[in-house]
């Protein structure tokens, strides 16, 4: 099967499995922890930080480092040393988790940010919803496709990289729908955008239209912004109370 056909088949299978049997809360928690730890091992713009074992042999995934250029971002920022850092150190057994049901954008962040800056919550919420729901209902040459499952996996994987967990989401979907080259691309675009290369962009979803891949970038950026807001607004809420 082509990359596209294989992805559509996995989406179909996930929907059928969900209708037949839902994973338990314990299983979903375990899958989240696995995905969260795995995301720390993804090196932006390069290979994974560990060889993946397949029975009697190990495989290192292809590197993209040969195309990475040294980008001087100091001209654009006041503090060149300010940037993304993983929310936990590699090798830690108990990684911190931000449980979304304890502090959600809809129930907590939205109202607080509106109090701090009148009506900005409505503008942000509209932006989040518009990008999250943005779709042509296509996947490359296929039309009338429900891409909800795929868009949700992309959004939730970004939040997973930031340690945010949704108890009602099965993170097994992330592992099924997002191949490793796409995960490398997601981490690079989300955390280190200056390291993104055309080769990385071309390495995933080769049969998709450019406009569809632009949708992916928009979704990643909005997911990151919401994750950052959740951490900031939760800290403000704790300070106020």
C-alpha atoms as a PDB file:
ATOM      1  CA  UNK A   1       0.000   0.000   0.000  1.00  0.00           C
ATOM      2  CA  UNK A   2       1.069   3.579  -0.602  1.00  0.00           C
ATOM      3  CA  UNK A   3       1.659   5.872   2.362  1.00  0.00           C
ATOM      4  CA  UNK A   4      -1.733   7.496   1.782  1.00  0.00           C
ATOM      5  CA  UNK A   5      -3.669   4.257   1.462  1.00  0.00           C
ATOM      6  CA  UNK A   6      -1.975   2.836   4.546  1.00  0.00           C
ATOM      7  CA  UNK A   7      -2.894   5.923   6.582  1.00  0.00           C
ATOM      8  CA  UNK A   8      -6.537   5.777   5.474  1.00  0.00           C
ATOM      9  CA  UNK A   9      -6.655   2.086   6.308  1.00  0.00           C
ATOM     10  CA  UNK A  10      -5.346   2.772   9.819  1.00  0.00           C
ATOM     11  CA  UNK A  11      -7.950   5.519  10.293  1.00  0.00           C
ATOM     12  CA  UNK A  12     -10.698   3.132   9.221  1.00  0.00           C
ATOM     13  CA  UNK A  13      -9.412   0.380  11.508  1.00  0.00           C
ATOM     14  CA  UNK A  14      -9.219   2.745  14.491  1.00  0.00           C
ATOM     15  CA  UNK A  15     -12.847   3.757  13.981  1.00  0.00           C
ATOM     16  CA  UNK A  16     -13.947   0.131  13.785  1.00  0.00           C
ATOM     17  CA  UNK A  17     -11.960  -0.811  16.891  1.00  0.00           C
ATOM     18  CA  UNK A  18     -13.465   2.108  18.795  1.00  0.00           C
ATOM     19  CA  UNK A  19     -16.962   0.952  17.913  1.00  0.00           C
ATOM     20  CA  UNK A  20     -16.193  -2.625  18.941  1.00  0.00           C
ATOM     21  CA  UNK A  21     -14.366  -1.977  22.212  1.00  0.00           C
ATOM     22  CA  UNK A  22     -13.061   1.068  24.041  1.00  0.00           C
ATOM     23  CA  UNK A  23      -9.779   1.008  25.943  1.00  0.00           C
ATOM     24  CA  UNK A  24      -9.912   1.176  29.739  1.00  0.00           C
ATOM     25  CA  UNK A  25      -8.755   4.252  31.645  1.00  0.00           C
ATOM     26  CA  UNK A  26      -5.712   2.320  32.834  1.00  0.00           C
ATOM     27  CA  UNK A  27      -4.775   1.338  29.285  1.00  0.00           C
ATOM     28  CA  UNK A  28      -5.197   4.914  28.039  1.00  0.00           C
ATOM     29  CA  UNK A  29      -3.047   6.248  30.899  1.00  0.00           C
ATOM     30  CA  UNK A  30      -0.318   3.735  30.061  1.00  0.00           C
ATOM     31  CA  UNK A  31      -0.409   4.688  26.386  1.00  0.00           C
ATOM     32  CA  UNK A  32      -0.120   8.376  27.263  1.00  0.00           C
ATOM     33  CA  UNK A  33       2.910   7.776  29.479  1.00  0.00           C
ATOM     34  CA  UNK A  34       4.559   5.764  26.727  1.00  0.00           C
ATOM     35  CA  UNK A  35       3.904   8.478  24.135  1.00  0.00           C
ATOM     36  CA  UNK A  36       5.056  11.226  26.499  1.00  0.00           C
ATOM     37  CA  UNK A  37       8.378   9.515  27.252  1.00  0.00           C
ATOM     38  CA  UNK A  38       8.860   8.698  23.596  1.00  0.00           C
ATOM     39  CA  UNK A  39       8.363  12.346  22.592  1.00  0.00           C
ATOM     40  CA  UNK A  40      11.356  13.332  24.742  1.00  0.00           C
ATOM     41  CA  UNK A  41      13.535  11.008  22.664  1.00  0.00           C
ATOM     42  CA  UNK A  42      12.626  12.689  19.399  1.00  0.00           C
ATOM     43  CA  UNK A  43      15.489  14.946  18.333  1.00  0.00           C
ATOM     44  CA  UNK A  44      14.314  17.887  16.288  1.00  0.00           C
ATOM     45  CA  UNK A  45      15.758  17.856  12.809  1.00  0.00           C
ATOM     46  CA  UNK A  46      17.521  14.531  13.257  1.00  0.00           C
ATOM     47  CA  UNK A  47      17.365  10.881  14.236  1.00  0.00           C
ATOM     48  CA  UNK A  48      15.685   9.511  17.295  1.00  0.00           C
ATOM     49  CA  UNK A  49      17.846   9.424  20.378  1.00  0.00           C
ATOM     50  CA  UNK A  50      17.740   5.655  20.644  1.00  0.00           C
ATOM     51  CA  UNK A  51      17.754   2.611  18.373  1.00  0.00           C
ATOM     52  CA  UNK A  52      14.357   0.942  18.070  1.00  0.00           C
ATOM     53  CA  UNK A  53      14.558  -2.770  18.756  1.00  0.00           C
ATOM     54  CA  UNK A  54      12.890  -5.268  16.438  1.00  0.00           C
ATOM     55  CA  UNK A  55      13.469  -8.728  17.909  1.00  0.00           C
ATOM     56  CA  UNK A  56      17.065  -9.533  16.880  1.00  0.00           C
ATOM     57  CA  UNK A  57      18.169  -6.270  15.329  1.00  0.00           C
ATOM     58  CA  UNK A  58      18.023  -2.532  15.878  1.00  0.00           C
ATOM     59  CA  UNK A  59      17.181   0.279  13.495  1.00  0.00           C
ATOM     60  CA  UNK A  60      18.224   3.916  13.624  1.00  0.00           C
ATOM     61  CA  UNK A  61      15.905   6.198  11.712  1.00  0.00           C
ATOM     62  CA  UNK A  62      17.338   8.400   8.925  1.00  0.00           C
ATOM     63  CA  UNK A  63      18.933  11.669   9.972  1.00  0.00           C
ATOM     64  CA  UNK A  64      18.126  15.024   8.453  1.00  0.00           C
ATOM     65  CA  UNK A  65      21.011  16.875  10.113  1.00  0.00           C
ATOM     66  CA  UNK A  66      22.945  17.288   6.892  1.00  0.00           C
ATOM     67  CA  UNK A  67      20.531  19.987   5.736  1.00  0.00           C
ATOM     68  CA  UNK A  68      20.291  21.923   8.978  1.00  0.00           C
ATOM     69  CA  UNK A  69      21.853  25.335   8.677  1.00  0.00           C
ATOM     70  CA  UNK A  70      23.091  27.458  11.523  1.00  0.00           C
ATOM     71  CA  UNK A  71      20.371  30.070  11.872  1.00  0.00           C
ATOM     72  CA  UNK A  72      21.160  33.262  13.706  1.00  0.00           C
ATOM     73  CA  UNK A  73      17.899  34.274  15.380  1.00  0.00           C
ATOM     74  CA  UNK A  74      19.520  36.861  17.652  1.00  0.00           C
ATOM     75  CA  UNK A  75      18.536  39.672  15.293  1.00  0.00           C
ATOM     76  CA  UNK A  76      14.851  38.874  15.900  1.00  0.00           C
ATOM     77  CA  UNK A  77      14.779  38.432  19.681  1.00  0.00           C
ATOM     78  CA  UNK A  78      16.014  40.276  22.741  1.00  0.00           C
ATOM     79  CA  UNK A  79      17.159  37.111  24.496  1.00  0.00           C
ATOM     80  CA  UNK A  80      18.700  34.599  22.025  1.00  0.00           C
ATOM     81  CA  UNK A  81      19.094  32.061  24.825  1.00  0.00           C
ATOM     82  CA  UNK A  82      15.354  31.936  25.446  1.00  0.00           C
ATOM     83  CA  UNK A  83      13.729  28.925  23.818  1.00  0.00           C
ATOM     84  CA  UNK A  84      11.986  25.613  24.217  1.00  0.00           C
ATOM     85  CA  UNK A  85      13.200  23.078  26.769  1.00  0.00           C
ATOM     86  CA  UNK A  86      11.776  19.603  27.322  1.00  0.00           C
ATOM     87  CA  UNK A  87       9.425  19.591  30.299  1.00  0.00           C
ATOM     88  CA  UNK A  88      11.407  16.750  31.890  1.00  0.00           C
ATOM     89  CA  UNK A  89      14.870  15.253  31.704  1.00  0.00           C
ATOM     90  CA  UNK A  90      15.433  12.147  29.653  1.00  0.00           C
ATOM     91  CA  UNK A  91      15.644   9.019  31.739  1.00  0.00           C
ATOM     92  CA  UNK A  92      13.350  10.224  34.534  1.00  0.00           C
ATOM     93  CA  UNK A  93      10.894   7.582  35.684  1.00  0.00           C
ATOM     94  CA  UNK A  94       8.082   9.870  36.783  1.00  0.00           C
ATOM     95  CA  UNK A  95       7.488  12.657  34.313  1.00  0.00           C
ATOM     96  CA  UNK A  96       5.186  15.533  35.311  1.00  0.00           C
ATOM     97  CA  UNK A  97       1.702  15.451  33.817  1.00  0.00           C
ATOM     98  CA  UNK A  98      -0.713  18.348  33.352  1.00  0.00           C
ATOM     99  CA  UNK A  99      -4.152  16.722  33.584  1.00  0.00           C
ATOM    100  CA  UNK A 100      -6.385  18.655  31.221  1.00  0.00           C
ATOM    101  CA  UNK A 101      -9.602  17.989  33.129  1.00  0.00           C
ATOM    102  CA  UNK A 102      -8.119  19.828  36.137  1.00  0.00           C
ATOM    103  CA  UNK A 103      -7.535  22.970  34.083  1.00  0.00           C
ATOM    104  CA  UNK A 104      -9.035  23.239  30.609  1.00  0.00           C
ATOM    105  CA  UNK A 105      -9.133  26.081  28.159  1.00  0.00           C
ATOM    106  CA  UNK A 106     -12.927  25.881  27.859  1.00  0.00           C
ATOM    107  CA  UNK A 107     -13.731  25.791  31.587  1.00  0.00           C
ATOM    108  CA  UNK A 108     -10.886  27.758  33.140  1.00  0.00           C
ATOM    109  CA  UNK A 109      -8.443  29.479  30.793  1.00  0.00           C
ATOM    110  CA  UNK A 110     -11.074  31.149  28.611  1.00  0.00           C
ATOM    111  CA  UNK A 111     -12.836  32.933  31.475  1.00  0.00           C
ATOM    112  CA  UNK A 112      -9.598  33.990  33.199  1.00  0.00           C
ATOM    113  CA  UNK A 113      -8.011  35.485  30.116  1.00  0.00           C
ATOM    114  CA  UNK A 114     -11.231  37.417  29.446  1.00  0.00           C
ATOM    115  CA  UNK A 115     -10.999  38.859  32.954  1.00  0.00           C
ATOM    116  CA  UNK A 116      -7.397  39.889  32.383  1.00  0.00           C
ATOM    117  CA  UNK A 117      -7.974  41.363  28.925  1.00  0.00           C
ATOM    118  CA  UNK A 118     -11.561  42.046  27.896  1.00  0.00           C
ATOM    119  CA  UNK A 119     -12.839  39.944  24.968  1.00  0.00           C
ATOM    120  CA  UNK A 120      -9.416  38.464  24.107  1.00  0.00           C
ATOM    121  CA  UNK A 121     -10.713  35.072  25.219  1.00  0.00           C
ATOM    122  CA  UNK A 122     -13.404  35.155  22.534  1.00  0.00           C
ATOM    123  CA  UNK A 123     -10.854  36.014  19.842  1.00  0.00           C
ATOM    124  CA  UNK A 124      -8.462  33.275  20.952  1.00  0.00           C
ATOM    125  CA  UNK A 125     -11.250  30.716  21.238  1.00  0.00           C
ATOM    126  CA  UNK A 126     -12.492  31.531  17.747  1.00  0.00           C
ATOM    127  CA  UNK A 127      -8.951  31.168  16.394  1.00  0.00           C
ATOM    128  CA  UNK A 128      -8.404  27.816  18.123  1.00  0.00           C
ATOM    129  CA  UNK A 129     -11.741  26.438  16.913  1.00  0.00           C
ATOM    130  CA  UNK A 130     -11.331  27.693  13.360  1.00  0.00           C
ATOM    131  CA  UNK A 131      -7.896  26.098  12.890  1.00  0.00           C
ATOM    132  CA  UNK A 132      -8.855  22.873  14.680  1.00  0.00           C
ATOM    133  CA  UNK A 133     -11.922  22.432  12.470  1.00  0.00           C
ATOM    134  CA  UNK A 134     -10.210  23.547   9.270  1.00  0.00           C
ATOM    135  CA  UNK A 135     -10.488  20.860   6.587  1.00  0.00           C
ATOM    136  CA  UNK A 136     -11.227  20.356   2.905  1.00  0.00           C
ATOM    137  CA  UNK A 137     -12.609  16.915   3.761  1.00  0.00           C
ATOM    138  CA  UNK A 138      -9.915  15.527   1.501  1.00  0.00           C
ATOM    139  CA  UNK A 139      -6.777  13.450   1.848  1.00  0.00           C
ATOM    140  CA  UNK A 140      -4.647  13.982  -1.244  1.00  0.00           C
ATOM    141  CA  UNK A 141      -6.726  12.585  -4.133  1.00  0.00           C
ATOM    142  CA  UNK A 142      -9.505  11.220  -1.894  1.00  0.00           C
ATOM    143  CA  UNK A 143     -12.601  13.343  -1.290  1.00  0.00           C
ATOM    144  CA  UNK A 144     -15.379  13.292   1.333  1.00  0.00           C
ATOM    145  CA  UNK A 145     -12.984  12.082   4.029  1.00  0.00           C
ATOM    146  CA  UNK A 146     -13.636  12.772   7.713  1.00  0.00           C
ATOM    147  CA  UNK A 147     -10.221  13.933   8.973  1.00  0.00           C
ATOM    148  CA  UNK A 148     -11.334  14.536  12.569  1.00  0.00           C
ATOM    149  CA  UNK A 149      -9.354  11.586  13.946  1.00  0.00           C
ATOM    150  CA  UNK A 150      -6.181  12.735  12.230  1.00  0.00           C
ATOM    151  CA  UNK A 151      -6.529  16.375  13.277  1.00  0.00           C
ATOM    152  CA  UNK A 152      -7.192  15.332  16.869  1.00  0.00           C
ATOM    153  CA  UNK A 153      -4.068  13.140  16.878  1.00  0.00           C
ATOM    154  CA  UNK A 154      -1.901  16.027  15.642  1.00  0.00           C
ATOM    155  CA  UNK A 155      -3.305  18.475  18.202  1.00  0.00           C
ATOM    156  CA  UNK A 156      -3.099  16.057  21.121  1.00  0.00           C
ATOM    157  CA  UNK A 157       0.431  14.953  20.245  1.00  0.00           C
ATOM    158  CA  UNK A 158       1.662  18.538  20.564  1.00  0.00           C
ATOM    159  CA  UNK A 159      -0.010  18.779  23.977  1.00  0.00           C
ATOM    160  CA  UNK A 160       1.469  15.396  24.885  1.00  0.00           C
ATOM    161  CA  UNK A 161       4.959  16.772  24.145  1.00  0.00           C
ATOM    162  CA  UNK A 162       4.151  19.478  26.700  1.00  0.00           C
ATOM    163  CA  UNK A 163       3.009  16.885  29.248  1.00  0.00           C
ATOM    164  CA  UNK A 164      -0.727  17.624  28.886  1.00  0.00           C
ATOM    165  CA  UNK A 165      -3.025  14.620  29.063  1.00  0.00           C
ATOM    166  CA  UNK A 166      -6.714  14.264  28.158  1.00  0.00           C
ATOM    167  CA  UNK A 167      -8.216  11.395  30.139  1.00  0.00           C
ATOM    168  CA  UNK A 168     -10.885  10.705  27.514  1.00  0.00           C
ATOM    169  CA  UNK A 169      -8.399  10.367  24.634  1.00  0.00           C
ATOM    170  CA  UNK A 170      -6.736   7.130  23.585  1.00  0.00           C
ATOM    171  CA  UNK A 171      -3.106   7.978  22.778  1.00  0.00           C
ATOM    172  CA  UNK A 172      -2.803   4.726  20.908  1.00  0.00           C
ATOM    173  CA  UNK A 173      -4.320   6.712  18.018  1.00  0.00           C
ATOM    174  CA  UNK A 174      -1.262   8.977  17.955  1.00  0.00           C
ATOM    175  CA  UNK A 175       1.086   6.044  17.539  1.00  0.00           C
ATOM    176  CA  UNK A 176      -1.124   4.535  14.847  1.00  0.00           C
ATOM    177  CA  UNK A 177      -1.565   7.674  12.738  1.00  0.00           C
ATOM    178  CA  UNK A 178       1.665   9.656  13.095  1.00  0.00           C
ATOM    179  CA  UNK A 179       4.712   7.978  11.617  1.00  0.00           C
ATOM    180  CA  UNK A 180       8.167   8.704  13.017  1.00  0.00           C
ATOM    181  CA  UNK A 181       9.277  11.133  10.308  1.00  0.00           C
ATOM    182  CA  UNK A 182       6.120  13.163  10.986  1.00  0.00           C
ATOM    183  CA  UNK A 183       6.816  13.175  14.730  1.00  0.00           C
ATOM    184  CA  UNK A 184      10.306  14.534  14.072  1.00  0.00           C
ATOM    185  CA  UNK A 185       8.768  17.216  11.857  1.00  0.00           C
ATOM    186  CA  UNK A 186       6.131  18.085  14.489  1.00  0.00           C
ATOM    187  CA  UNK A 187       8.693  18.507  17.257  1.00  0.00           C
ATOM    188  CA  UNK A 188      10.953  20.611  15.057  1.00  0.00           C
ATOM    189  CA  UNK A 189       8.200  22.939  13.815  1.00  0.00           C
ATOM    190  CA  UNK A 190       6.630  23.228  17.255  1.00  0.00           C
ATOM    191  CA  UNK A 191       9.742  23.600  19.385  1.00  0.00           C
ATOM    192  CA  UNK A 192      12.595  24.642  17.091  1.00  0.00           C
ATOM    193  CA  UNK A 193      11.032  26.158  13.932  1.00  0.00           C
ATOM    194  CA  UNK A 194      14.324  27.701  12.804  1.00  0.00           C
ATOM    195  CA  UNK A 195      15.697  24.172  12.299  1.00  0.00           C
ATOM    196  CA  UNK A 196      12.974  23.115   9.870  1.00  0.00           C
ATOM    197  CA  UNK A 197      14.209  22.117   6.414  1.00  0.00           C
ATOM    198  CA  UNK A 198      12.487  21.404   3.130  1.00  0.00           C
ATOM    199  CA  UNK A 199      13.765  17.848   3.265  1.00  0.00           C
ATOM    200  CA  UNK A 200      11.919  17.322   6.548  1.00  0.00           C
ATOM    201  CA  UNK A 201       8.784  18.875   5.071  1.00  0.00           C
ATOM    202  CA  UNK A 202       9.020  16.584   2.055  1.00  0.00           C
ATOM    203  CA  UNK A 203       9.699  13.481   4.158  1.00  0.00           C
ATOM    204  CA  UNK A 204       6.128  12.938   5.352  1.00  0.00           C
ATOM    205  CA  UNK A 205       2.768  12.616   3.570  1.00  0.00           C
ATOM    206  CA  UNK A 206       4.430  12.799   0.161  1.00  0.00           C
ATOM    207  CA  UNK A 207       1.135  12.372  -1.695  1.00  0.00           C
ATOM    208  CA  UNK A 208      -0.665  15.181   0.124  1.00  0.00           C
ATOM    209  CA  UNK A 209      -1.268  18.638  -1.321  1.00  0.00           C
ATOM    210  CA  UNK A 210       0.815  21.540  -0.050  1.00  0.00           C
ATOM    211  CA  UNK A 211      -2.341  23.259   1.215  1.00  0.00           C
ATOM    212  CA  UNK A 212      -3.126  20.214   3.375  1.00  0.00           C
ATOM    213  CA  UNK A 213       0.376  20.252   4.856  1.00  0.00           C
ATOM    214  CA  UNK A 214       0.001  23.974   5.554  1.00  0.00           C
ATOM    215  CA  UNK A 215      -3.100  23.045   7.555  1.00  0.00           C
ATOM    216  CA  UNK A 216      -0.860  20.780   9.619  1.00  0.00           C
ATOM    217  CA  UNK A 217       1.499  23.671  10.383  1.00  0.00           C
ATOM    218  CA  UNK A 218      -1.386  25.919  11.437  1.00  0.00           C
ATOM    219  CA  UNK A 219      -2.753  23.208  13.712  1.00  0.00           C
ATOM    220  CA  UNK A 220       0.657  22.623  15.322  1.00  0.00           C
ATOM    221  CA  UNK A 221       1.151  26.317  16.044  1.00  0.00           C
ATOM    222  CA  UNK A 222      -2.294  26.768  17.594  1.00  0.00           C
ATOM    223  CA  UNK A 223      -1.874  23.615  19.697  1.00  0.00           C
ATOM    224  CA  UNK A 224       1.446  24.945  21.008  1.00  0.00           C
ATOM    225  CA  UNK A 225      -0.039  28.353  21.778  1.00  0.00           C
ATOM    226  CA  UNK A 226      -2.925  26.803  23.701  1.00  0.00           C
ATOM    227  CA  UNK A 227      -0.535  24.550  25.657  1.00  0.00           C
ATOM    228  CA  UNK A 228       1.592  27.548  26.643  1.00  0.00           C
ATOM    229  CA  UNK A 229      -1.506  29.522  27.656  1.00  0.00           C
ATOM    230  CA  UNK A 230      -2.771  26.654  29.805  1.00  0.00           C
ATOM    231  CA  UNK A 231       0.456  26.549  31.814  1.00  0.00           C
ATOM    232  CA  UNK A 232       0.604  30.341  32.169  1.00  0.00           C
ATOM    233  CA  UNK A 233      -3.067  30.785  33.095  1.00  0.00           C
ATOM    234  CA  UNK A 234      -2.985  27.891  35.565  1.00  0.00           C
ATOM    235  CA  UNK A 235      -0.023  29.567  37.299  1.00  0.00           C
ATOM    236  CA  UNK A 236      -1.928  32.873  37.441  1.00  0.00           C
ATOM    237  CA  UNK A 237      -5.000  31.113  38.829  1.00  0.00           C
ATOM    238  CA  UNK A 238      -2.938  29.499  41.593  1.00  0.00           C
ATOM    239  CA  UNK A 239      -1.374  32.860  42.410  1.00  0.00           C
ATOM    240  CA  UNK A 240      -4.776  34.568  42.631  1.00  0.00           C
ATOM    241  CA  UNK A 241      -6.179  31.862  44.900  1.00  0.00           C
END
